[in-house]
Amino acid sequence: MLADVIERPFDSIESAHQYMDILADTALEAMKDLKDDRDEALRGGDLRTAQAMDLAIFKLKTLSCHIYKSRRTLNDLRTLRRLILNERVSVESIIATM
């Protein structure tokens, strides 16, 4: 009963894939912002802050790699599901609908 009440944000592979797309865009935006802030810190002579931002940029790059791999895995799972459930659209069925 309680499980029915709890919302599931990833009801499908497609919704999880969309979430990963949003996460990838957010990570890229954060990386750009950090690079700008890092350059500003270097201009201001704050080397320690710039080094911390370098580490944060590195971690965001690592996260971006994991996101990319996860998106590929989700895409593979989507393809496998289509193969298992025979959801692939055949040439004959396309011609039949014309």
PDB file of N, CA and C in Angstrom:
ATOM      1  N   MET A   1       0.805  -1.190   0.000  1.00  0.00           N
ATOM      2  CA  MET A   1       0.000   0.000   0.000  1.00  0.00           C
ATOM      3  C   MET A   1       0.849   1.254   0.000  1.00  0.00           C
ATOM      4  N   LEU A   2       1.840   1.280   0.861  1.00  0.00           N
ATOM      5  CA  LEU A   2       2.703   2.449   0.940  1.00  0.00           C
ATOM      6  C   LEU A   2       3.479   2.639  -0.352  1.00  0.00           C
ATOM      7  N   ALA A   3       3.846   1.550  -0.971  1.00  0.00           N
ATOM      8  CA  ALA A   3       4.583   1.626  -2.231  1.00  0.00           C
ATOM      9  C   ALA A   3       3.744   2.269  -3.330  1.00  0.00           C
ATOM     10  N   ASP A   4       2.425   2.083  -3.256  1.00  0.00           N
ATOM     11  CA  ASP A   4       1.544   2.705  -4.244  1.00  0.00           C
ATOM     12  C   ASP A   4       1.492   4.213  -4.083  1.00  0.00           C
ATOM     13  N   VAL A   5       1.659   4.690  -2.860  1.00  0.00           N
ATOM     14  CA  VAL A   5       1.573   6.119  -2.579  1.00  0.00           C
ATOM     15  C   VAL A   5       2.842   6.842  -3.025  1.00  0.00           C
ATOM     16  N   ILE A   6       3.986   6.188  -2.893  1.00  0.00           N
ATOM     17  CA  ILE A   6       5.262   6.802  -3.242  1.00  0.00           C
ATOM     18  C   ILE A   6       5.354   6.955  -4.755  1.00  0.00           C
ATOM     19  N   GLU A   7       5.664   8.176  -5.191  1.00  0.00           N
ATOM     20  CA  GLU A   7       5.812   8.415  -6.622  1.00  0.00           C
ATOM     21  C   GLU A   7       7.151   7.877  -7.103  1.00  0.00           C
ATOM     22  N   ARG A   8       7.143   7.332  -8.303  1.00  0.00           N
ATOM     23  CA  ARG A   8       8.367   6.809  -8.909  1.00  0.00           C
ATOM     24  C   ARG A   8       8.772   7.749 -10.036  1.00  0.00           C
ATOM     25  N   PRO A   9       9.868   8.472  -9.855  1.00  0.00           N
ATOM     26  CA  PRO A   9      10.262   9.442 -10.880  1.00  0.00           C
ATOM     27  C   PRO A   9      10.741   8.791 -12.170  1.00  0.00           C
ATOM     28  N   PHE A  10      11.164   7.531 -12.108  1.00  0.00           N
ATOM     29  CA  PHE A  10      11.682   6.857 -13.292  1.00  0.00           C
ATOM     30  C   PHE A  10      10.815   5.650 -13.601  1.00  0.00           C
ATOM     31  N   ASP A  11       9.632   5.922 -14.103  1.00  0.00           N
ATOM     32  CA  ASP A  11       8.716   4.844 -14.451  1.00  0.00           C
ATOM     33  C   ASP A  11       9.140   4.111 -15.706  1.00  0.00           C
ATOM     34  N   SER A  12      10.034   4.712 -16.461  1.00  0.00           N
ATOM     35  CA  SER A  12      10.460   4.080 -17.702  1.00  0.00           C
ATOM     36  C   SER A  12      11.927   4.387 -17.972  1.00  0.00           C
ATOM     37  N   ILE A  13      12.484   3.634 -18.880  1.00  0.00           N
ATOM     38  CA  ILE A  13      13.863   3.875 -19.305  1.00  0.00           C
ATOM     39  C   ILE A  13      13.959   5.261 -19.947  1.00  0.00           C
ATOM     40  N   GLU A  14      12.911   5.643 -20.680  1.00  0.00           N
ATOM     41  CA  GLU A  14      12.913   6.936 -21.352  1.00  0.00           C
ATOM     42  C   GLU A  14      12.974   8.096 -20.359  1.00  0.00           C
ATOM     43  N   SER A  15      12.220   7.993 -19.257  1.00  0.00           N
ATOM     44  CA  SER A  15      12.236   9.072 -18.266  1.00  0.00           C
ATOM     45  C   SER A  15      13.594   9.150 -17.567  1.00  0.00           C
ATOM     46  N   ALA A  16      14.222   8.013 -17.329  1.00  0.00           N
ATOM     47  CA  ALA A  16      15.567   8.012 -16.743  1.00  0.00           C
ATOM     48  C   ALA A  16      16.564   8.629 -17.720  1.00  0.00           C
ATOM     49  N   HIS A  17      16.393   8.346 -19.007  1.00  0.00           N
ATOM     50  CA  HIS A  17      17.275   8.900 -20.037  1.00  0.00           C
ATOM     51  C   HIS A  17      17.107  10.421 -20.106  1.00  0.00           C
ATOM     52  N   GLN A  18      15.870  10.898 -20.006  1.00  0.00           N
ATOM     53  CA  GLN A  18      15.619  12.342 -20.009  1.00  0.00           C
ATOM     54  C   GLN A  18      16.270  13.007 -18.803  1.00  0.00           C
ATOM     55  N   TYR A  19      16.194  12.351 -17.650  1.00  0.00           N
ATOM     56  CA  TYR A  19      16.838  12.880 -16.455  1.00  0.00           C
ATOM     57  C   TYR A  19      18.346  12.999 -16.665  1.00  0.00           C
ATOM     58  N   MET A  20      18.938  11.987 -17.281  1.00  0.00           N
ATOM     59  CA  MET A  20      20.381  12.024 -17.539  1.00  0.00           C
ATOM     60  C   MET A  20      20.733  13.164 -18.496  1.00  0.00           C
ATOM     61  N   ASP A  21      19.867  13.441 -19.466  1.00  0.00           N
ATOM     62  CA  ASP A  21      20.093  14.567 -20.370  1.00  0.00           C
ATOM     63  C   ASP A  21      20.124  15.880 -19.595  1.00  0.00           C
ATOM     64  N   ILE A  22      19.173  16.042 -18.688  1.00  0.00           N
ATOM     65  CA  ILE A  22      19.115  17.258 -17.867  1.00  0.00           C
ATOM     66  C   ILE A  22      20.342  17.352 -16.975  1.00  0.00           C
ATOM     67  N   LEU A  23      20.729  16.231 -16.380  1.00  0.00           N
ATOM     68  CA  LEU A  23      21.909  16.205 -15.514  1.00  0.00           C
ATOM     69  C   LEU A  23      23.174  16.556 -16.298  1.00  0.00           C
ATOM     70  N   ALA A  24      23.290  16.060 -17.522  1.00  0.00           N
ATOM     71  CA  ALA A  24      24.456  16.361 -18.355  1.00  0.00           C
ATOM     72  C   ALA A  24      24.521  17.854 -18.672  1.00  0.00           C
ATOM     73  N   ASP A  25      23.378  18.440 -19.006  1.00  0.00           N
ATOM     74  CA  ASP A  25      23.341  19.882 -19.298  1.00  0.00           C
ATOM     75  C   ASP A  25      23.711  20.705 -18.072  1.00  0.00           C
ATOM     76  N   THR A  26      23.215  20.299 -16.915  1.00  0.00           N
ATOM     77  CA  THR A  26      23.508  21.006 -15.673  1.00  0.00           C
ATOM     78  C   THR A  26      24.992  20.922 -15.325  1.00  0.00           C
ATOM     79  N   ALA A  27      25.577  19.746 -15.496  1.00  0.00           N
ATOM     80  CA  ALA A  27      27.011  19.574 -15.207  1.00  0.00           C
ATOM     81  C   ALA A  27      27.848  20.436 -16.145  1.00  0.00           C
ATOM     82  N   LEU A  28      27.462  20.492 -17.409  1.00  0.00           N
ATOM     83  CA  LEU A  28      28.196  21.309 -18.377  1.00  0.00           C
ATOM     84  C   LEU A  28      28.100  22.793 -18.027  1.00  0.00           C
ATOM     85  N   GLU A  29      26.911  23.239 -17.636  1.00  0.00           N
ATOM     86  CA  GLU A  29      26.728  24.634 -17.230  1.00  0.00           C
ATOM     87  C   GLU A  29      27.580  24.967 -16.014  1.00  0.00           C
ATOM     88  N   ALA A  30      27.568  24.072 -15.037  1.00  0.00           N
ATOM     89  CA  ALA A  30      28.349  24.288 -13.816  1.00  0.00           C
ATOM     90  C   ALA A  30      29.843  24.348 -14.128  1.00  0.00           C
ATOM     91  N   MET A  31      30.275  23.513 -15.059  1.00  0.00           N
ATOM     92  CA  MET A  31      31.685  23.515 -15.442  1.00  0.00           C
ATOM     93  C   MET A  31      32.077  24.853 -16.073  1.00  0.00           C
ATOM     94  N   LYS A  32      31.228  25.359 -16.952  1.00  0.00           N
ATOM     95  CA  LYS A  32      31.501  26.655 -17.588  1.00  0.00           C
ATOM     96  C   LYS A  32      31.567  27.766 -16.545  1.00  0.00           C
ATOM     97  N   ASP A  33      30.611  27.754 -15.612  1.00  0.00           N
ATOM     98  CA  ASP A  33      30.597  28.773 -14.563  1.00  0.00           C
ATOM     99  C   ASP A  33      31.849  28.684 -13.694  1.00  0.00           C
ATOM    100  N   LEU A  34      32.243  27.468 -13.349  1.00  0.00           N
ATOM    101  CA  LEU A  34      33.444  27.289 -12.522  1.00  0.00           C
ATOM    102  C   LEU A  34      34.704  27.763 -13.242  1.00  0.00           C
ATOM    103  N   LYS A  35      34.782  27.511 -14.537  1.00  0.00           N
ATOM    104  CA  LYS A  35      35.952  27.970 -15.296  1.00  0.00           C
ATOM    105  C   LYS A  35      36.038  29.488 -15.290  1.00  0.00           C
ATOM    106  N   ASP A  36      34.890  30.146 -15.441  1.00  0.00           N
ATOM    107  CA  ASP A  36      34.873  31.613 -15.389  1.00  0.00           C
ATOM    108  C   ASP A  36      35.282  32.108 -14.008  1.00  0.00           C
ATOM    109  N   ASP A  37      34.735  31.482 -12.962  1.00  0.00           N
ATOM    110  CA  ASP A  37      35.078  31.874 -11.590  1.00  0.00           C
ATOM    111  C   ASP A  37      36.542  31.590 -11.289  1.00  0.00           C
ATOM    112  N   ARG A  38      37.070  30.497 -11.823  1.00  0.00           N
ATOM    113  CA  ARG A  38      38.480  30.152 -11.632  1.00  0.00           C
ATOM    114  C   ARG A  38      39.376  31.220 -12.253  1.00  0.00           C
ATOM    115  N   ASP A  39      39.039  31.636 -13.479  1.00  0.00           N
ATOM    116  CA  ASP A  39      39.829  32.680 -14.141  1.00  0.00           C
ATOM    117  C   ASP A  39      39.792  33.981 -13.350  1.00  0.00           C
ATOM    118  N   GLU A  40      38.629  34.289 -12.806  1.00  0.00           N
ATOM    119  CA  GLU A  40      38.501  35.505 -11.996  1.00  0.00           C
ATOM    120  C   GLU A  40      39.338  35.401 -10.720  1.00  0.00           C
ATOM    121  N   ALA A  41      39.333  34.228 -10.095  1.00  0.00           N
ATOM    122  CA  ALA A  41      40.127  34.018  -8.883  1.00  0.00           C
ATOM    123  C   ALA A  41      41.618  34.150  -9.184  1.00  0.00           C
ATOM    124  N   LEU A  42      42.054  33.631 -10.331  1.00  0.00           N
ATOM    125  CA  LEU A  42      43.465  33.759 -10.706  1.00  0.00           C
ATOM    126  C   LEU A  42      43.845  35.217 -10.955  1.00  0.00           C
ATOM    127  N   ARG A  43      42.944  35.949 -11.605  1.00  0.00           N
ATOM    128  CA  ARG A  43      43.212  37.379 -11.835  1.00  0.00           C
ATOM    129  C   ARG A  43      43.306  38.139 -10.518  1.00  0.00           C
ATOM    130  N   GLY A  44      42.524  37.689  -9.519  1.00  0.00           N
ATOM    131  CA  GLY A  44      42.539  38.325  -8.204  1.00  0.00           C
ATOM    132  C   GLY A  44      43.661  37.827  -7.306  1.00  0.00           C
ATOM    133  N   GLY A  45      44.430  36.856  -7.789  1.00  0.00           N
ATOM    134  CA  GLY A  45      45.557  36.346  -7.015  1.00  0.00           C
ATOM    135  C   GLY A  45      45.186  35.311  -5.971  1.00  0.00           C
ATOM    136  N   ASP A  46      43.996  34.775  -6.022  1.00  0.00           N
ATOM    137  CA  ASP A  46      43.546  33.788  -5.039  1.00  0.00           C
ATOM    138  C   ASP A  46      43.826  32.377  -5.563  1.00  0.00           C
ATOM    139  N   LEU A  47      45.067  31.947  -5.411  1.00  0.00           N
ATOM    140  CA  LEU A  47      45.523  30.673  -5.954  1.00  0.00           C
ATOM    141  C   LEU A  47      44.824  29.480  -5.300  1.00  0.00           C
ATOM    142  N   ARG A  48      44.608  29.539  -4.006  1.00  0.00           N
ATOM    143  CA  ARG A  48      43.983  28.423  -3.290  1.00  0.00           C
ATOM    144  C   ARG A  48      42.554  28.184  -3.793  1.00  0.00           C
ATOM    145  N   THR A  49      41.805  29.246  -3.985  1.00  0.00           N
ATOM    146  CA  THR A  49      40.442  29.114  -4.501  1.00  0.00           C
ATOM    147  C   THR A  49      40.461  28.565  -5.922  1.00  0.00           C
ATOM    148  N   ALA A  50      41.409  29.034  -6.735  1.00  0.00           N
ATOM    149  CA  ALA A  50      41.522  28.554  -8.114  1.00  0.00           C
ATOM    150  C   ALA A  50      41.840  27.064  -8.137  1.00  0.00           C
ATOM    151  N   GLN A  51      42.697  26.609  -7.224  1.00  0.00           N
ATOM    152  CA  GLN A  51      43.028  25.187  -7.150  1.00  0.00           C
ATOM    153  C   GLN A  51      41.810  24.358  -6.732  1.00  0.00           C
ATOM    154  N   ALA A  52      41.034  24.878  -5.811  1.00  0.00           N
ATOM    155  CA  ALA A  52      39.815  24.183  -5.384  1.00  0.00           C
ATOM    156  C   ALA A  52      38.839  24.081  -6.553  1.00  0.00           C
ATOM    157  N   MET A  53      38.757  25.134  -7.332  1.00  0.00           N
ATOM    158  CA  MET A  53      37.871  25.123  -8.496  1.00  0.00           C
ATOM    159  C   MET A  53      38.383  24.167  -9.570  1.00  0.00           C
ATOM    160  N   ASP A  54      39.705  24.062  -9.702  1.00  0.00           N
ATOM    161  CA  ASP A  54      40.273  23.070 -10.627  1.00  0.00           C
ATOM    162  C   ASP A  54      39.844  21.655 -10.235  1.00  0.00           C
ATOM    163  N   LEU A  55      39.875  21.373  -8.946  1.00  0.00           N
ATOM    164  CA  LEU A  55      39.453  20.066  -8.465  1.00  0.00           C
ATOM    165  C   LEU A  55      37.960  19.845  -8.736  1.00  0.00           C
ATOM    166  N   ALA A  56      37.156  20.873  -8.511  1.00  0.00           N
ATOM    167  CA  ALA A  56      35.720  20.768  -8.770  1.00  0.00           C
ATOM    168  C   ALA A  56      35.457  20.540 -10.258  1.00  0.00           C
ATOM    169  N   ILE A  57      36.201  21.212 -11.107  1.00  0.00           N
ATOM    170  CA  ILE A  57      36.062  21.027 -12.558  1.00  0.00           C
ATOM    171  C   ILE A  57      36.431  19.596 -12.934  1.00  0.00           C
ATOM    172  N   PHE A  58      37.504  19.071 -12.352  1.00  0.00           N
ATOM    173  CA  PHE A  58      37.908  17.690 -12.606  1.00  0.00           C
ATOM    174  C   PHE A  58      36.806  16.715 -12.195  1.00  0.00           C
ATOM    175  N   LYS A  59      36.215  16.948 -11.013  1.00  0.00           N
ATOM    176  CA  LYS A  59      35.149  16.077 -10.534  1.00  0.00           C
ATOM    177  C   LYS A  59      33.922  16.164 -11.450  1.00  0.00           C
ATOM    178  N   LEU A  60      33.616  17.350 -11.957  1.00  0.00           N
ATOM    179  CA  LEU A  60      32.494  17.497 -12.889  1.00  0.00           C
ATOM    180  C   LEU A  60      32.776  16.776 -14.206  1.00  0.00           C
ATOM    181  N   LYS A  61      34.035  16.803 -14.646  1.00  0.00           N
ATOM    182  CA  LYS A  61      34.388  16.059 -15.860  1.00  0.00           C
ATOM    183  C   LYS A  61      34.212  14.560 -15.634  1.00  0.00           C
ATOM    184  N   THR A  62      34.605  14.095 -14.462  1.00  0.00           N
ATOM    185  CA  THR A  62      34.433  12.689 -14.118  1.00  0.00           C
ATOM    186  C   THR A  62      32.951  12.326 -14.088  1.00  0.00           C
ATOM    187  N   LEU A  63      32.153  13.184 -13.473  1.00  0.00           N
ATOM    188  CA  LEU A  63      30.708  12.967 -13.436  1.00  0.00           C
ATOM    189  C   LEU A  63      30.131  12.948 -14.847  1.00  0.00           C
ATOM    190  N   SER A  64      30.592  13.840 -15.697  1.00  0.00           N
ATOM    191  CA  SER A  64      30.106  13.897 -17.075  1.00  0.00           C
ATOM    192  C   SER A  64      30.402  12.596 -17.818  1.00  0.00           C
ATOM    193  N   CYS A  65      31.559  12.016 -17.568  1.00  0.00           N
ATOM    194  CA  CYS A  65      31.896  10.724 -18.185  1.00  0.00           C
ATOM    195  C   CYS A  65      30.937   9.637 -17.715  1.00  0.00           C
ATOM    196  N   HIS A  66      30.633   9.630 -16.427  1.00  0.00           N
ATOM    197  CA  HIS A  66      29.698   8.641 -15.888  1.00  0.00           C
ATOM    198  C   HIS A  66      28.291   8.851 -16.457  1.00  0.00           C
ATOM    199  N   ILE A  67      27.903  10.100 -16.601  1.00  0.00           N
ATOM    200  CA  ILE A  67      26.585  10.397 -17.172  1.00  0.00           C
ATOM    201  C   ILE A  67      26.523   9.897 -18.608  1.00  0.00           C
ATOM    202  N   TYR A  68      27.573  10.161 -19.371  1.00  0.00           N
ATOM    203  CA  TYR A  68      27.599   9.718 -20.765  1.00  0.00           C
ATOM    204  C   TYR A  68      27.476   8.197 -20.843  1.00  0.00           C
ATOM    205  N   LYS A  69      28.230   7.509 -20.001  1.00  0.00           N
ATOM    206  CA  LYS A  69      28.168   6.041 -20.003  1.00  0.00           C
ATOM    207  C   LYS A  69      26.781   5.547 -19.584  1.00  0.00           C
ATOM    208  N   SER A  70      26.182   6.213 -18.623  1.00  0.00           N
ATOM    209  CA  SER A  70      24.846   5.827 -18.175  1.00  0.00           C
ATOM    210  C   SER A  70      23.813   6.056 -19.270  1.00  0.00           C
ATOM    211  N   ARG A  71      23.949   7.142 -19.997  1.00  0.00           N
ATOM    212  CA  ARG A  71      23.030   7.401 -21.102  1.00  0.00           C
ATOM    213  C   ARG A  71      23.163   6.327 -22.175  1.00  0.00           C
ATOM    214  N   ARG A  72      24.391   5.931 -22.462  1.00  0.00           N
ATOM    215  CA  ARG A  72      24.606   4.856 -23.440  1.00  0.00           C
ATOM    216  C   ARG A  72      24.000   3.541 -22.952  1.00  0.00           C
ATOM    217  N   THR A  73      24.170   3.252 -21.674  1.00  0.00           N
ATOM    218  CA  THR A  73      23.607   2.032 -21.108  1.00  0.00           C
ATOM    219  C   THR A  73      22.086   2.054 -21.172  1.00  0.00           C
ATOM    220  N   LEU A  74      21.487   3.187 -20.844  1.00  0.00           N
ATOM    221  CA  LEU A  74      20.029   3.306 -20.934  1.00  0.00           C
ATOM    222  C   LEU A  74      19.550   3.135 -22.372  1.00  0.00           C
ATOM    223  N   ASN A  75      20.311   3.687 -23.304  1.00  0.00           N
ATOM    224  CA  ASN A  75      19.960   3.526 -24.713  1.00  0.00           C
ATOM    225  C   ASN A  75      20.042   2.052 -25.120  1.00  0.00           C
ATOM    226  N   ASP A  76      21.081   1.365 -24.654  1.00  0.00           N
ATOM    227  CA  ASP A  76      21.212  -0.071 -24.937  1.00  0.00           C
ATOM    228  C   ASP A  76      20.042  -0.852 -24.348  1.00  0.00           C
ATOM    229  N   LEU A  77      19.659  -0.512 -23.124  1.00  0.00           N
ATOM    230  CA  LEU A  77      18.533  -1.188 -22.488  1.00  0.00           C
ATOM    231  C   LEU A  77      17.230  -0.948 -23.247  1.00  0.00           C
ATOM    232  N   ARG A  78      17.069   0.273 -23.736  1.00  0.00           N
ATOM    233  CA  ARG A  78      15.875   0.594 -24.522  1.00  0.00           C
ATOM    234  C   ARG A  78      15.845  -0.250 -25.796  1.00  0.00           C
ATOM    235  N   THR A  79      16.981  -0.380 -26.456  1.00  0.00           N
ATOM    236  CA  THR A  79      17.065  -1.187 -27.668  1.00  0.00           C
ATOM    237  C   THR A  79      16.796  -2.655 -27.369  1.00  0.00           C
ATOM    238  N   LEU A  80      17.364  -3.164 -26.291  1.00  0.00           N
ATOM    239  CA  LEU A  80      17.135  -4.555 -25.907  1.00  0.00           C
ATOM    240  C   LEU A  80      15.667  -4.814 -25.570  1.00  0.00           C
ATOM    241  N   ARG A  81      15.054  -3.857 -24.881  1.00  0.00           N
ATOM    242  CA  ARG A  81      13.635  -4.016 -24.563  1.00  0.00           C
ATOM    243  C   ARG A  81      12.808  -4.106 -25.842  1.00  0.00           C
ATOM    244  N   ARG A  82      13.136  -3.267 -26.799  1.00  0.00           N
ATOM    245  CA  ARG A  82      12.411  -3.291 -28.073  1.00  0.00           C
ATOM    246  C   ARG A  82      12.602  -4.623 -28.789  1.00  0.00           C
ATOM    247  N   LEU A  83      13.812  -5.145 -28.737  1.00  0.00           N
ATOM    248  CA  LEU A  83      14.065  -6.449 -29.360  1.00  0.00           C
ATOM    249  C   LEU A  83      13.315  -7.568 -28.649  1.00  0.00           C
ATOM    250  N   ILE A  84      13.338  -7.540 -27.338  1.00  0.00           N
ATOM    251  CA  ILE A  84      12.676  -8.587 -26.558  1.00  0.00           C
ATOM    252  C   ILE A  84      11.167  -8.550 -26.772  1.00  0.00           C
ATOM    253  N   LEU A  85      10.603  -7.358 -26.795  1.00  0.00           N
ATOM    254  CA  LEU A  85       9.152  -7.222 -26.921  1.00  0.00           C
ATOM    255  C   LEU A  85       8.688  -7.064 -28.367  1.00  0.00           C
ATOM    256  N   ASN A  86       9.604  -7.237 -29.297  1.00  0.00           N
ATOM    257  CA  ASN A  86       9.284  -7.097 -30.727  1.00  0.00           C
ATOM    258  C   ASN A  86       8.643  -5.748 -31.035  1.00  0.00           C
ATOM    259  N   GLU A  87       9.173  -4.691 -30.439  1.00  0.00           N
ATOM    260  CA  GLU A  87       8.636  -3.354 -30.655  1.00  0.00           C
ATOM    261  C   GLU A  87       9.252  -2.663 -31.869  1.00  0.00           C
ATOM    262  N   ARG A  88      10.199  -3.307 -32.500  1.00  0.00           N
ATOM    263  CA  ARG A  88      10.825  -2.716 -33.677  1.00  0.00           C
ATOM    264  C   ARG A  88       9.799  -2.583 -34.792  1.00  0.00           C
ATOM    265  N   VAL A  89       9.839  -1.483 -35.485  1.00  0.00           N
ATOM    266  CA  VAL A  89       8.937  -1.270 -36.596  1.00  0.00           C
ATOM    267  C   VAL A  89       9.585  -1.879 -37.842  1.00  0.00           C
ATOM    268  N   SER A  90       8.867  -2.780 -38.481  1.00  0.00           N
ATOM    269  CA  SER A  90       9.404  -3.429 -39.665  1.00  0.00           C
ATOM    270  C   SER A  90       9.054  -2.618 -40.912  1.00  0.00           C
ATOM    271  N   VAL A  91       9.787  -2.845 -41.957  1.00  0.00           N
ATOM    272  CA  VAL A  91       9.550  -2.157 -43.223  1.00  0.00           C
ATOM    273  C   VAL A  91       8.152  -2.479 -43.740  1.00  0.00           C
ATOM    274  N   GLU A  92       7.735  -3.728 -43.574  1.00  0.00           N
ATOM    275  CA  GLU A  92       6.409  -4.149 -44.040  1.00  0.00           C
ATOM    276  C   GLU A  92       5.303  -3.387 -43.325  1.00  0.00           C
ATOM    277  N   SER A  93       5.452  -3.184 -42.004  1.00  0.00           N
ATOM    278  CA  SER A  93       4.403  -2.486 -41.282  1.00  0.00           C
ATOM    279  C   SER A  93       4.346  -1.004 -41.663  1.00  0.00           C
ATOM    280  N   ILE A  94       5.489  -0.415 -42.008  1.00  0.00           N
ATOM    281  CA  ILE A  94       5.509   0.983 -42.460  1.00  0.00           C
ATOM    282  C   ILE A  94       4.798   1.096 -43.804  1.00  0.00           C
ATOM    283  N   ILE A  95       5.085   0.181 -44.693  1.00  0.00           N
ATOM    284  CA  ILE A  95       4.463   0.197 -46.017  1.00  0.00           C
ATOM    285  C   ILE A  95       2.945  -0.046 -45.891  1.00  0.00           C
ATOM    286  N   ALA A  96       2.556  -0.906 -44.986  1.00  0.00           N
ATOM    287  CA  ALA A  96       1.143  -1.233 -44.794  1.00  0.00           C
ATOM    288  C   ALA A  96       0.336  -0.034 -44.282  1.00  0.00           C
ATOM    289  N   THR A  97       0.983   0.869 -43.554  1.00  0.00           N
ATOM    290  CA  THR A  97       0.272   2.026 -43.021  1.00  0.00           C
ATOM    291  C   THR A  97       0.156   3.164 -44.013  1.00  0.00           C
ATOM    292  N   MET A  98       0.814   3.050 -45.145  1.00  0.00           N
ATOM    293  CA  MET A  98       0.771   4.122 -46.151  1.00  0.00           C
ATOM    294  C   MET A  98      -0.449   4.058 -46.988  1.00  0.00           C
TER     295      MET A  98
END
